[in-house]
Amino acid sequence: MTQTSRKPGPAQTKGKVIITCAVTGAIHTPTMSPYLPITPDQIASEAIAAAEAGAAILHLHARDPETGKPDQTPEAFARFLPRVKQGTNAAINITTGGSPYMK
Protein backbone atom coordinates (compact mmCIF):
# COMPACT_ATOMS: atom_id res chain seq x y z
CA MET A 1 0.00 0.00 0.00
CA THR A 2 1.43 3.37 -0.97
CA GLN A 3 1.02 6.60 0.92
CA THR A 4 -0.43 9.59 -0.90
CA SER A 5 0.93 13.06 -0.34
CA ARG A 6 -2.38 14.77 0.27
CA LYS A 7 -2.80 17.42 2.92
CA PRO A 8 -4.00 15.95 6.24
CA GLY A 9 -7.56 16.78 7.23
CA PRO A 10 -8.78 17.58 10.74
CA ALA A 11 -9.09 13.91 11.71
CA GLN A 12 -5.52 13.25 10.58
CA THR A 13 -3.78 16.04 12.46
CA LYS A 14 -1.84 15.34 15.59
CA GLY A 15 -3.61 17.97 17.69
CA LYS A 16 -6.10 17.12 20.38
CA VAL A 17 -9.78 16.79 19.55
CA ILE A 18 -12.73 17.32 21.89
CA ILE A 19 -15.80 15.23 21.10
CA THR A 20 -19.27 16.27 22.23
CA CYS A 21 -22.12 13.78 22.04
CA ALA A 22 -25.76 14.90 22.00
CA VAL A 23 -27.30 11.63 23.15
CA THR A 24 -30.97 12.45 22.53
CA GLY A 25 -30.91 15.52 20.32
CA ALA A 26 -33.29 18.39 21.02
CA ILE A 27 -36.31 17.92 18.81
CA HIS A 28 -36.03 14.31 17.74
CA THR A 29 -38.92 11.95 18.49
CA PRO A 30 -39.17 8.16 18.67
CA THR A 31 -40.96 8.14 15.30
CA MET A 32 -37.74 9.42 13.71
CA SER A 33 -35.59 6.57 15.00
CA PRO A 34 -36.21 3.44 17.06
CA TYR A 35 -32.77 3.99 18.61
CA LEU A 36 -33.58 7.30 20.31
CA PRO A 37 -33.06 6.89 24.07
CA ILE A 38 -36.10 8.19 25.94
CA THR A 39 -36.21 6.49 29.34
CA PRO A 40 -33.88 7.62 32.13
CA ASP A 41 -32.07 4.26 32.00
CA GLN A 42 -31.61 4.49 28.22
CA ILE A 43 -30.35 8.07 28.39
CA ALA A 44 -27.89 7.24 31.18
CA SER A 45 -26.64 4.08 29.44
CA GLU A 46 -26.13 5.83 26.10
CA ALA A 47 -24.40 8.80 27.74
CA ILE A 48 -21.99 6.54 29.61
CA ALA A 49 -21.36 4.50 26.45
CA ALA A 50 -20.61 7.69 24.52
CA ALA A 51 -18.08 8.74 27.15
CA GLU A 52 -16.48 5.30 27.08
CA ALA A 53 -16.23 5.64 23.28
CA GLY A 54 -14.35 8.92 23.64
CA ALA A 55 -16.85 11.75 24.14
CA ALA A 56 -15.44 14.36 26.52
CA ILE A 57 -18.71 16.31 26.75
CA LEU A 58 -22.21 14.88 27.08
CA HIS A 59 -24.93 17.25 25.84
CA LEU A 60 -28.12 15.94 27.44
CA HIS A 61 -31.81 16.68 27.07
CA ALA A 62 -34.42 15.02 29.29
CA ARG A 63 -37.39 13.12 27.88
CA ASP A 64 -40.83 12.08 28.99
CA PRO A 65 -40.38 8.29 29.13
CA GLU A 66 -44.01 7.72 28.13
CA THR A 67 -44.09 9.89 25.00
CA GLY A 68 -40.43 10.54 24.19
CA LYS A 69 -41.12 14.27 23.99
CA PRO A 70 -38.66 16.76 25.51
CA ASP A 71 -39.21 17.36 29.22
CA GLN A 72 -37.58 20.46 30.73
CA THR A 73 -38.50 19.82 34.37
CA PRO A 74 -35.72 19.44 36.94
CA GLU A 75 -37.33 16.15 38.00
CA ALA A 76 -36.82 14.69 34.52
CA PHE A 77 -33.08 15.45 34.63
CA ALA A 78 -32.82 14.10 38.19
CA ARG A 79 -33.96 10.70 36.93
CA PHE A 80 -30.75 10.09 34.96
CA LEU A 81 -28.09 12.62 36.02
CA PRO A 82 -26.91 10.80 39.18
CA ARG A 83 -26.21 7.64 37.19
CA VAL A 84 -24.37 9.56 34.46
CA LYS A 85 -22.29 11.46 37.04
CA GLN A 86 -21.42 8.21 38.79
CA GLY A 87 -20.61 6.39 35.56
CA THR A 88 -18.26 8.85 33.86
CA ASN A 89 -15.90 11.78 34.31
CA ALA A 90 -17.08 13.45 31.09
CA ALA A 91 -18.31 17.03 31.31
CA ILE A 92 -22.10 17.08 31.50
CA ASN A 93 -23.91 19.82 29.61
CA ILE A 94 -27.63 19.70 30.40
CA THR A 95 -29.92 21.86 28.35
CA THR A 96 -33.55 22.70 27.78
CA GLY A 97 -32.88 24.13 24.33
CA GLY A 98 -35.20 23.08 21.56
CA SER A 99 -38.18 23.12 23.87
CA PRO A 100 -41.52 23.26 22.08
CA TYR A 101 -42.53 25.85 24.69
CA MET A 102 -39.75 28.30 23.87
CA LYS A 103 -40.84 31.46 22.09
PDB file of N, CA and C in Angstrom:
ATOM      1  N   MET A   1       0.850  -1.171   0.000  1.00  0.00           N
ATOM      2  CA  MET A   1       0.000   0.000   0.000  1.00  0.00           C
ATOM      3  C   MET A   1       0.897   1.237   0.000  1.00  0.00           C
ATOM      4  N   THR A   2       0.614   2.165  -0.877  1.00  0.00           N
ATOM      5  CA  THR A   2       1.430   3.372  -0.966  1.00  0.00           C
ATOM      6  C   THR A   2       0.737   4.538  -0.274  1.00  0.00           C
ATOM      7  N   GLN A   3       1.536   5.406   0.253  1.00  0.00           N
ATOM      8  CA  GLN A   3       1.023   6.603   0.920  1.00  0.00           C
ATOM      9  C   GLN A   3       0.839   7.705  -0.117  1.00  0.00           C
ATOM     10  N   THR A   4      -0.244   8.433  -0.031  1.00  0.00           N
ATOM     11  CA  THR A   4      -0.427   9.592  -0.897  1.00  0.00           C
ATOM     12  C   THR A   4       0.108  10.818  -0.185  1.00  0.00           C
ATOM     13  N   SER A   5       0.388  11.851  -0.940  1.00  0.00           N
ATOM     14  CA  SER A   5       0.935  13.063  -0.335  1.00  0.00           C
ATOM     15  C   SER A   5      -0.130  14.147  -0.210  1.00  0.00           C
ATOM     16  N   ARG A   6      -1.333  13.758   0.115  1.00  0.00           N
ATOM     17  CA  ARG A   6      -2.380  14.765   0.270  1.00  0.00           C
ATOM     18  C   ARG A   6      -2.277  15.448   1.631  1.00  0.00           C
ATOM     19  N   LYS A   7      -2.826  16.632   1.694  1.00  0.00           N
ATOM     20  CA  LYS A   7      -2.799  17.418   2.921  1.00  0.00           C
ATOM     21  C   LYS A   7      -3.685  16.743   3.976  1.00  0.00           C
ATOM     22  N   PRO A   8      -3.187  16.597   5.212  1.00  0.00           N
ATOM     23  CA  PRO A   8      -4.001  15.946   6.240  1.00  0.00           C
ATOM     24  C   PRO A   8      -5.226  16.785   6.600  1.00  0.00           C
ATOM     25  N   GLY A   9      -6.335  16.114   6.796  1.00  0.00           N
ATOM     26  CA  GLY A   9      -7.564  16.780   7.229  1.00  0.00           C
ATOM     27  C   GLY A   9      -7.616  16.847   8.741  1.00  0.00           C
ATOM     28  N   PRO A  10      -8.682  17.419   9.296  1.00  0.00           N
ATOM     29  CA  PRO A  10      -8.784  17.583  10.744  1.00  0.00           C
ATOM     30  C   PRO A  10      -8.635  16.278  11.520  1.00  0.00           C
ATOM     31  N   ALA A  11      -9.173  15.182  10.998  1.00  0.00           N
ATOM     32  CA  ALA A  11      -9.089  13.913  11.715  1.00  0.00           C
ATOM     33  C   ALA A  11      -7.696  13.306  11.643  1.00  0.00           C
ATOM     34  N   GLN A  12      -6.852  13.809  10.750  1.00  0.00           N
ATOM     35  CA  GLN A  12      -5.516  13.252  10.581  1.00  0.00           C
ATOM     36  C   GLN A  12      -4.439  14.088  11.258  1.00  0.00           C
ATOM     37  N   THR A  13      -4.786  15.209  11.808  1.00  0.00           N
ATOM     38  CA  THR A  13      -3.783  16.039  12.459  1.00  0.00           C
ATOM     39  C   THR A  13      -3.412  15.436  13.798  1.00  0.00           C
ATOM     40  N   LYS A  14      -2.314  15.895  14.335  1.00  0.00           N
ATOM     41  CA  LYS A  14      -1.844  15.342  15.590  1.00  0.00           C
ATOM     42  C   LYS A  14      -2.309  16.133  16.799  1.00  0.00           C
ATOM     43  N   GLY A  15      -3.101  17.178  16.580  1.00  0.00           N
ATOM     44  CA  GLY A  15      -3.608  17.966  17.693  1.00  0.00           C
ATOM     45  C   GLY A  15      -4.705  17.223  18.440  1.00  0.00           C
ATOM     46  N   LYS A  16      -5.046  17.733  19.580  1.00  0.00           N
ATOM     47  CA  LYS A  16      -6.101  17.119  20.377  1.00  0.00           C
ATOM     48  C   LYS A  16      -7.469  17.486  19.820  1.00  0.00           C
ATOM     49  N   VAL A  17      -8.414  16.601  20.016  1.00  0.00           N
ATOM     50  CA  VAL A  17      -9.779  16.789  19.552  1.00  0.00           C
ATOM     51  C   VAL A  17     -10.712  16.612  20.742  1.00  0.00           C
ATOM     52  N   ILE A  18     -11.716  17.464  20.845  1.00  0.00           N
ATOM     53  CA  ILE A  18     -12.733  17.321  21.889  1.00  0.00           C
ATOM     54  C   ILE A  18     -14.021  16.884  21.211  1.00  0.00           C
ATOM     55  N   ILE A  19     -14.568  15.771  21.671  1.00  0.00           N
ATOM     56  CA  ILE A  19     -15.796  15.229  21.096  1.00  0.00           C
ATOM     57  C   ILE A  19     -16.957  15.495  22.042  1.00  0.00           C
ATOM     58  N   THR A  20     -18.026  16.066  21.492  1.00  0.00           N
ATOM     59  CA  THR A  20     -19.270  16.269  22.227  1.00  0.00           C
ATOM     60  C   THR A  20     -20.308  15.326  21.646  1.00  0.00           C
ATOM     61  N   CYS A  21     -21.061  14.674  22.507  1.00  0.00           N
ATOM     62  CA  CYS A  21     -22.121  13.783  22.042  1.00  0.00           C
ATOM     63  C   CYS A  21     -23.463  14.276  22.567  1.00  0.00           C
ATOM     64  N   ALA A  22     -24.383  14.546  21.647  1.00  0.00           N
ATOM     65  CA  ALA A  22     -25.761  14.901  22.002  1.00  0.00           C
ATOM     66  C   ALA A  22     -26.564  13.605  21.943  1.00  0.00           C
ATOM     67  N   VAL A  23     -26.737  12.983  23.074  1.00  0.00           N
ATOM     68  CA  VAL A  23     -27.299  11.635  23.154  1.00  0.00           C
ATOM     69  C   VAL A  23     -28.727  11.550  22.627  1.00  0.00           C
ATOM     70  N   THR A  24     -29.566  12.525  22.954  1.00  0.00           N
ATOM     71  CA  THR A  24     -30.970  12.455  22.529  1.00  0.00           C
ATOM     72  C   THR A  24     -31.322  13.436  21.428  1.00  0.00           C
ATOM     73  N   GLY A  25     -30.513  14.452  21.235  1.00  0.00           N
ATOM     74  CA  GLY A  25     -30.912  15.521  20.323  1.00  0.00           C
ATOM     75  C   GLY A  25     -32.002  16.348  20.986  1.00  0.00           C
ATOM     76  N   ALA A  26     -32.325  17.478  20.399  1.00  0.00           N
ATOM     77  CA  ALA A  26     -33.287  18.388  21.024  1.00  0.00           C
ATOM     78  C   ALA A  26     -34.720  18.136  20.592  1.00  0.00           C
ATOM     79  N   ILE A  27     -34.934  17.990  19.304  1.00  0.00           N
ATOM     80  CA  ILE A  27     -36.310  17.923  18.806  1.00  0.00           C
ATOM     81  C   ILE A  27     -36.665  16.572  18.207  1.00  0.00           C
ATOM     82  N   HIS A  28     -35.777  15.626  18.310  1.00  0.00           N
ATOM     83  CA  HIS A  28     -36.035  14.307  17.739  1.00  0.00           C
ATOM     84  C   HIS A  28     -37.110  13.574  18.539  1.00  0.00           C
ATOM     85  N   THR A  29     -37.855  12.737  17.852  1.00  0.00           N
ATOM     86  CA  THR A  29     -38.919  11.954  18.492  1.00  0.00           C
ATOM     87  C   THR A  29     -38.722  10.481  18.155  1.00  0.00           C
ATOM     88  N   PRO A  30     -39.320   9.592  18.939  1.00  0.00           N
ATOM     89  CA  PRO A  30     -39.170   8.159  18.673  1.00  0.00           C
ATOM     90  C   PRO A  30     -39.639   7.737  17.278  1.00  0.00           C
ATOM     91  N   THR A  31     -40.529   8.497  16.659  1.00  0.00           N
ATOM     92  CA  THR A  31     -40.961   8.138  15.305  1.00  0.00           C
ATOM     93  C   THR A  31     -39.854   8.356  14.280  1.00  0.00           C
ATOM     94  N   MET A  32     -38.848   9.159  14.633  1.00  0.00           N
ATOM     95  CA  MET A  32     -37.740   9.423  13.715  1.00  0.00           C
ATOM     96  C   MET A  32     -36.695   8.313  13.743  1.00  0.00           C
ATOM     97  N   SER A  33     -36.573   7.636  14.877  1.00  0.00           N
ATOM     98  CA  SER A  33     -35.589   6.565  15.005  1.00  0.00           C
ATOM     99  C   SER A  33     -35.957   5.662  16.173  1.00  0.00           C
ATOM    100  N   PRO A  34     -35.934   4.359  15.959  1.00  0.00           N
ATOM    101  CA  PRO A  34     -36.213   3.440  17.064  1.00  0.00           C
ATOM    102  C   PRO A  34     -35.061   3.387  18.069  1.00  0.00           C
ATOM    103  N   TYR A  35     -33.944   4.023  17.746  1.00  0.00           N
ATOM    104  CA  TYR A  35     -32.767   3.990  18.612  1.00  0.00           C
ATOM    105  C   TYR A  35     -32.671   5.187  19.552  1.00  0.00           C
ATOM    106  N   LEU A  36     -33.610   6.100  19.470  1.00  0.00           N
ATOM    107  CA  LEU A  36     -33.583   7.297  20.312  1.00  0.00           C
ATOM    108  C   LEU A  36     -33.803   6.908  21.772  1.00  0.00           C
ATOM    109  N   PRO A  37     -32.851   7.212  22.653  1.00  0.00           N
ATOM    110  CA  PRO A  37     -33.056   6.894  24.067  1.00  0.00           C
ATOM    111  C   PRO A  37     -34.067   7.861  24.683  1.00  0.00           C
ATOM    112  N   ILE A  38     -35.085   7.317  25.344  1.00  0.00           N
ATOM    113  CA  ILE A  38     -36.099   8.189  25.939  1.00  0.00           C
ATOM    114  C   ILE A  38     -36.309   7.945  27.426  1.00  0.00           C
ATOM    115  N   THR A  39     -36.029   6.744  27.909  1.00  0.00           N
ATOM    116  CA  THR A  39     -36.210   6.494  29.337  1.00  0.00           C
ATOM    117  C   THR A  39     -34.956   6.951  30.079  1.00  0.00           C
ATOM    118  N   PRO A  40     -35.070   7.229  31.368  1.00  0.00           N
ATOM    119  CA  PRO A  40     -33.879   7.620  32.126  1.00  0.00           C
ATOM    120  C   PRO A  40     -32.755   6.586  32.036  1.00  0.00           C
ATOM    121  N   ASP A  41     -33.097   5.301  32.100  1.00  0.00           N
ATOM    122  CA  ASP A  41     -32.066   4.264  31.995  1.00  0.00           C
ATOM    123  C   ASP A  41     -31.397   4.271  30.629  1.00  0.00           C
ATOM    124  N   GLN A  42     -32.183   4.448  29.572  1.00  0.00           N
ATOM    125  CA  GLN A  42     -31.615   4.490  28.224  1.00  0.00           C
ATOM    126  C   GLN A  42     -30.709   5.704  28.044  1.00  0.00           C
ATOM    127  N   ILE A  43     -31.156   6.853  28.519  1.00  0.00           N
ATOM    128  CA  ILE A  43     -30.349   8.073  28.386  1.00  0.00           C
ATOM    129  C   ILE A  43     -29.037   7.919  29.145  1.00  0.00           C
ATOM    130  N   ALA A  44     -29.103   7.422  30.378  1.00  0.00           N
ATOM    131  CA  ALA A  44     -27.890   7.236  31.180  1.00  0.00           C
ATOM    132  C   ALA A  44     -26.951   6.234  30.517  1.00  0.00           C
ATOM    133  N   SER A  45     -27.480   5.109  30.072  1.00  0.00           N
ATOM    134  CA  SER A  45     -26.640   4.081  29.443  1.00  0.00           C
ATOM    135  C   SER A  45     -25.959   4.597  28.185  1.00  0.00           C
ATOM    136  N   GLU A  46     -26.703   5.302  27.344  1.00  0.00           N
ATOM    137  CA  GLU A  46     -26.128   5.826  26.100  1.00  0.00           C
ATOM    138  C   GLU A  46     -25.107   6.926  26.376  1.00  0.00           C
ATOM    139  N   ALA A  47     -25.358   7.747  27.386  1.00  0.00           N
ATOM    140  CA  ALA A  47     -24.398   8.796  27.741  1.00  0.00           C
ATOM    141  C   ALA A  47     -23.091   8.184  28.233  1.00  0.00           C
ATOM    142  N   ILE A  48     -23.193   7.201  29.091  1.00  0.00           N
ATOM    143  CA  ILE A  48     -21.993   6.536  29.609  1.00  0.00           C
ATOM    144  C   ILE A  48     -21.254   5.825  28.479  1.00  0.00           C
ATOM    145  N   ALA A  49     -21.987   5.174  27.591  1.00  0.00           N
ATOM    146  CA  ALA A  49     -21.358   4.497  26.447  1.00  0.00           C
ATOM    147  C   ALA A  49     -20.644   5.502  25.541  1.00  0.00           C
ATOM    148  N   ALA A  50     -21.240   6.662  25.347  1.00  0.00           N
ATOM    149  CA  ALA A  50     -20.609   7.695  24.521  1.00  0.00           C
ATOM    150  C   ALA A  50     -19.299   8.154  25.150  1.00  0.00           C
ATOM    151  N   ALA A  51     -19.300   8.337  26.461  1.00  0.00           N
ATOM    152  CA  ALA A  51     -18.076   8.742  27.151  1.00  0.00           C
ATOM    153  C   ALA A  51     -17.016   7.647  27.049  1.00  0.00           C
ATOM    154  N   GLU A  52     -17.433   6.411  27.201  1.00  0.00           N
ATOM    155  CA  GLU A  52     -16.483   5.303  27.083  1.00  0.00           C
ATOM    156  C   GLU A  52     -15.912   5.211  25.666  1.00  0.00           C
ATOM    157  N   ALA A  53     -16.683   5.653  24.680  1.00  0.00           N
ATOM    158  CA  ALA A  53     -16.228   5.636  23.285  1.00  0.00           C
ATOM    159  C   ALA A  53     -15.363   6.846  22.937  1.00  0.00           C
ATOM    160  N   GLY A  54     -15.242   7.795  23.871  1.00  0.00           N
ATOM    161  CA  GLY A  54     -14.347   8.923  23.643  1.00  0.00           C
ATOM    162  C   GLY A  54     -14.945  10.306  23.756  1.00  0.00           C
ATOM    163  N   ALA A  55     -16.245  10.416  23.991  1.00  0.00           N
ATOM    164  CA  ALA A  55     -16.849  11.747  24.139  1.00  0.00           C
ATOM    165  C   ALA A  55     -16.363  12.388  25.438  1.00  0.00           C
ATOM    166  N   ALA A  56     -15.894  13.620  25.342  1.00  0.00           N
ATOM    167  CA  ALA A  56     -15.442  14.356  26.521  1.00  0.00           C
ATOM    168  C   ALA A  56     -16.570  15.178  27.128  1.00  0.00           C
ATOM    169  N   ILE A  57     -17.572  15.505  26.308  1.00  0.00           N
ATOM    170  CA  ILE A  57     -18.710  16.311  26.752  1.00  0.00           C
ATOM    171  C   ILE A  57     -19.989  15.578  26.374  1.00  0.00           C
ATOM    172  N   LEU A  58     -20.912  15.499  27.322  1.00  0.00           N
ATOM    173  CA  LEU A  58     -22.213  14.879  27.083  1.00  0.00           C
ATOM    174  C   LEU A  58     -23.270  15.966  27.119  1.00  0.00           C
ATOM    175  N   HIS A  59     -23.897  16.214  25.991  1.00  0.00           N
ATOM    176  CA  HIS A  59     -24.928  17.246  25.843  1.00  0.00           C
ATOM    177  C   HIS A  59     -26.269  16.526  25.990  1.00  0.00           C
ATOM    178  N   LEU A  60     -26.960  16.761  27.103  1.00  0.00           N
ATOM    179  CA  LEU A  60     -28.118  15.936  27.444  1.00  0.00           C
ATOM    180  C   LEU A  60     -29.415  16.722  27.568  1.00  0.00           C
ATOM    181  N   HIS A  61     -30.437  16.198  26.931  1.00  0.00           N
ATOM    182  CA  HIS A  61     -31.814  16.675  27.071  1.00  0.00           C
ATOM    183  C   HIS A  61     -32.580  15.593  27.823  1.00  0.00           C
ATOM    184  N   ALA A  62     -33.563  15.989  28.600  1.00  0.00           N
ATOM    185  CA  ALA A  62     -34.424  15.020  29.287  1.00  0.00           C
ATOM    186  C   ALA A  62     -35.639  14.721  28.417  1.00  0.00           C
ATOM    187  N   ARG A  63     -36.228  13.569  28.641  1.00  0.00           N
ATOM    188  CA  ARG A  63     -37.389  13.120  27.876  1.00  0.00           C
ATOM    189  C   ARG A  63     -38.482  12.615  28.803  1.00  0.00           C
ATOM    190  N   ASP A  64     -39.709  12.731  28.330  1.00  0.00           N
ATOM    191  CA  ASP A  64     -40.831  12.077  28.993  1.00  0.00           C
ATOM    192  C   ASP A  64     -40.752  10.610  28.571  1.00  0.00           C
ATOM    193  N   PRO A  65     -40.558   9.683  29.515  1.00  0.00           N
ATOM    194  CA  PRO A  65     -40.381   8.286  29.130  1.00  0.00           C
ATOM    195  C   PRO A  65     -41.625   7.647  28.510  1.00  0.00           C
ATOM    196  N   GLU A  66     -42.771   8.256  28.713  1.00  0.00           N
ATOM    197  CA  GLU A  66     -44.010   7.719  28.128  1.00  0.00           C
ATOM    198  C   GLU A  66     -44.164   8.119  26.659  1.00  0.00           C
ATOM    199  N   THR A  67     -43.844   9.372  26.351  1.00  0.00           N
ATOM    200  CA  THR A  67     -44.087   9.894  25.000  1.00  0.00           C
ATOM    201  C   THR A  67     -42.816  10.105  24.190  1.00  0.00           C
ATOM    202  N   GLY A  68     -41.680  10.236  24.870  1.00  0.00           N
ATOM    203  CA  GLY A  68     -40.429  10.536  24.193  1.00  0.00           C
ATOM    204  C   GLY A  68     -40.236  12.007  23.905  1.00  0.00           C
ATOM    205  N   LYS A  69     -41.219  12.824  24.245  1.00  0.00           N
ATOM    206  CA  LYS A  69     -41.121  14.265  23.991  1.00  0.00           C
ATOM    207  C   LYS A  69     -40.151  14.911  24.982  1.00  0.00           C
ATOM    208  N   PRO A  70     -39.544  16.043  24.588  1.00  0.00           N
ATOM    209  CA  PRO A  70     -38.658  16.757  25.508  1.00  0.00           C
ATOM    210  C   PRO A  70     -39.382  17.130  26.800  1.00  0.00           C
ATOM    211  N   ASP A  71     -38.664  17.025  27.905  1.00  0.00           N
ATOM    212  CA  ASP A  71     -39.205  17.362  29.225  1.00  0.00           C
ATOM    213  C   ASP A  71     -38.175  18.244  29.918  1.00  0.00           C
ATOM    214  N   GLN A  72     -38.531  19.495  30.169  1.00  0.00           N
ATOM    215  CA  GLN A  72     -37.577  20.456  30.730  1.00  0.00           C
ATOM    216  C   GLN A  72     -37.615  20.553  32.250  1.00  0.00           C
ATOM    217  N   THR A  73     -38.376  19.708  32.917  1.00  0.00           N
ATOM    218  CA  THR A  73     -38.499  19.819  34.369  1.00  0.00           C
ATOM    219  C   THR A  73     -37.228  19.314  35.059  1.00  0.00           C
ATOM    220  N   PRO A  74     -36.881  19.923  36.187  1.00  0.00           N
ATOM    221  CA  PRO A  74     -35.723  19.438  36.942  1.00  0.00           C
ATOM    222  C   PRO A  74     -35.868  17.964  37.334  1.00  0.00           C
ATOM    223  N   GLU A  75     -37.094  17.538  37.599  1.00  0.00           N
ATOM    224  CA  GLU A  75     -37.330  16.147  37.997  1.00  0.00           C
ATOM    225  C   GLU A  75     -36.928  15.174  36.883  1.00  0.00           C
ATOM    226  N   ALA A  76     -37.171  15.565  35.648  1.00  0.00           N
ATOM    227  CA  ALA A  76     -36.819  14.692  34.520  1.00  0.00           C
ATOM    228  C   ALA A  76     -35.305  14.493  34.437  1.00  0.00           C
ATOM    229  N   PHE A  77     -34.541  15.561  34.651  1.00  0.00           N
ATOM    230  CA  PHE A  77     -33.083  15.448  34.632  1.00  0.00           C
ATOM    231  C   PHE A  77     -32.583  14.646  35.828  1.00  0.00           C
ATOM    232  N   ALA A  78     -33.234  14.804  36.968  1.00  0.00           N
ATOM    233  CA  ALA A  78     -32.820  14.104  38.188  1.00  0.00           C
ATOM    234  C   ALA A  78     -32.968  12.595  38.064  1.00  0.00           C
ATOM    235  N   ARG A  79     -33.753  12.143  37.105  1.00  0.00           N
ATOM    236  CA  ARG A  79     -33.958  10.700  36.933  1.00  0.00           C
ATOM    237  C   ARG A  79     -32.748  10.004  36.303  1.00  0.00           C
ATOM    238  N   PHE A  80     -31.899  10.741  35.589  1.00  0.00           N
ATOM    239  CA  PHE A  80     -30.745  10.086  34.962  1.00  0.00           C
ATOM    240  C   PHE A  80     -29.400  10.709  35.314  1.00  0.00           C
ATOM    241  N   LEU A  81     -29.374  11.964  35.759  1.00  0.00           N
ATOM    242  CA  LEU A  81     -28.085  12.616  36.018  1.00  0.00           C
ATOM    243  C   LEU A  81     -27.228  11.924  37.070  1.00  0.00           C
ATOM    244  N   PRO A  82     -27.784  11.464  38.200  1.00  0.00           N
ATOM    245  CA  PRO A  82     -26.913  10.803  39.182  1.00  0.00           C
ATOM    246  C   PRO A  82     -26.171   9.598  38.597  1.00  0.00           C
ATOM    247  N   ARG A  83     -26.857   8.815  37.789  1.00  0.00           N
ATOM    248  CA  ARG A  83     -26.208   7.641  37.191  1.00  0.00           C
ATOM    249  C   ARG A  83     -25.121   8.059  36.206  1.00  0.00           C
ATOM    250  N   VAL A  84     -25.372   9.088  35.412  1.00  0.00           N
ATOM    251  CA  VAL A  84     -24.367   9.559  34.456  1.00  0.00           C
ATOM    252  C   VAL A  84     -23.157  10.095  35.213  1.00  0.00           C
ATOM    253  N   LYS A  85     -23.390  10.897  36.246  1.00  0.00           N
ATOM    254  CA  LYS A  85     -22.286  11.457  37.037  1.00  0.00           C
ATOM    255  C   LYS A  85     -21.455  10.358  37.681  1.00  0.00           C
ATOM    256  N   GLN A  86     -22.124   9.314  38.150  1.00  0.00           N
ATOM    257  CA  GLN A  86     -21.415   8.210  38.793  1.00  0.00           C
ATOM    258  C   GLN A  86     -20.658   7.358  37.774  1.00  0.00           C
ATOM    259  N   GLY A  87     -21.165   7.294  36.549  1.00  0.00           N
ATOM    260  CA  GLY A  87     -20.606   6.390  35.556  1.00  0.00           C
ATOM    261  C   GLY A  87     -19.516   6.951  34.670  1.00  0.00           C
ATOM    262  N   THR A  88     -19.254   8.262  34.756  1.00  0.00           N
ATOM    263  CA  THR A  88     -18.256   8.846  33.862  1.00  0.00           C
ATOM    264  C   THR A  88     -17.691  10.143  34.432  1.00  0.00           C
ATOM    265  N   ASN A  89     -16.512  10.500  33.950  1.00  0.00           N
ATOM    266  CA  ASN A  89     -15.902  11.781  34.309  1.00  0.00           C
ATOM    267  C   ASN A  89     -16.076  12.819  33.211  1.00  0.00           C
ATOM    268  N   ALA A  90     -16.855  12.503  32.186  1.00  0.00           N
ATOM    269  CA  ALA A  90     -17.081  13.452  31.091  1.00  0.00           C
ATOM    270  C   ALA A  90     -17.802  14.687  31.618  1.00  0.00           C
ATOM    271  N   ALA A  91     -17.575  15.809  30.964  1.00  0.00           N
ATOM    272  CA  ALA A  91     -18.309  17.035  31.309  1.00  0.00           C
ATOM    273  C   ALA A  91     -19.765  16.841  30.897  1.00  0.00           C
ATOM    274  N   ILE A  92     -20.672  17.239  31.769  1.00  0.00           N
ATOM    275  CA  ILE A  92     -22.100  17.077  31.503  1.00  0.00           C
ATOM    276  C   ILE A  92     -22.702  18.441  31.227  1.00  0.00           C
ATOM    277  N   ASN A  93     -23.293  18.572  30.052  1.00  0.00           N
ATOM    278  CA  ASN A  93     -23.913  19.819  29.609  1.00  0.00           C
ATOM    279  C   ASN A  93     -25.412  19.559  29.456  1.00  0.00           C
ATOM    280  N   ILE A  94     -26.174  19.883  30.513  1.00  0.00           N
ATOM    281  CA  ILE A  94     -27.625  19.703  30.399  1.00  0.00           C
ATOM    282  C   ILE A  94     -28.230  20.947  29.767  1.00  0.00           C
ATOM    283  N   THR A  95     -29.314  20.755  29.059  1.00  0.00           N
ATOM    284  CA  THR A  95     -29.922  21.862  28.345  1.00  0.00           C
ATOM    285  C   THR A  95     -31.414  21.652  28.180  1.00  0.00           C
ATOM    286  N   THR A  96     -32.128  22.756  28.087  1.00  0.00           N
ATOM    287  CA  THR A  96     -33.555  22.705  27.776  1.00  0.00           C
ATOM    288  C   THR A  96     -33.806  23.301  26.403  1.00  0.00           C
ATOM    289  N   GLY A  97     -32.749  23.571  25.666  1.00  0.00           N
ATOM    290  CA  GLY A  97     -32.885  24.134  24.328  1.00  0.00           C
ATOM    291  C   GLY A  97     -33.701  23.238  23.417  1.00  0.00           C
ATOM    292  N   GLY A  98     -34.372  23.839  22.474  1.00  0.00           N
ATOM    293  CA  GLY A  98     -35.200  23.077  21.561  1.00  0.00           C
ATOM    294  C   GLY A  98     -36.572  22.773  22.117  1.00  0.00           C
ATOM    295  N   SER A  99     -36.885  23.361  23.242  1.00  0.00           N
ATOM    296  CA  SER A  99     -38.182  23.120  23.867  1.00  0.00           C
ATOM    297  C   SER A  99     -39.311  23.598  22.972  1.00  0.00           C
ATOM    298  N   PRO A 100     -40.372  22.808  22.869  1.00  0.00           N
ATOM    299  CA  PRO A 100     -41.522  23.262  22.081  1.00  0.00           C
ATOM    300  C   PRO A 100     -42.233  24.452  22.723  1.00  0.00           C
ATOM    301  N   TYR A 101     -41.897  24.746  23.975  1.00  0.00           N
ATOM    302  CA  TYR A 101     -42.529  25.851  24.692  1.00  0.00           C
ATOM    303  C   TYR A 101     -41.739  27.148  24.592  1.00  0.00           C
ATOM    304  N   MET A 102     -40.563  27.093  24.000  1.00  0.00           N
ATOM    305  CA  MET A 102     -39.747  28.302  23.873  1.00  0.00           C
ATOM    306  C   MET A 102     -40.346  29.210  22.812  1.00  0.00           C
ATOM    307  N   LYS A 103     -40.286  30.498  23.043  1.00  0.00           N
ATOM    308  CA  LYS A 103     -40.840  31.463  22.091  1.00  0.00           C
ATOM    309  C   LYS A 103     -39.724  32.219  21.415  1.00  0.00           C
TER     310      LYS A 103
END
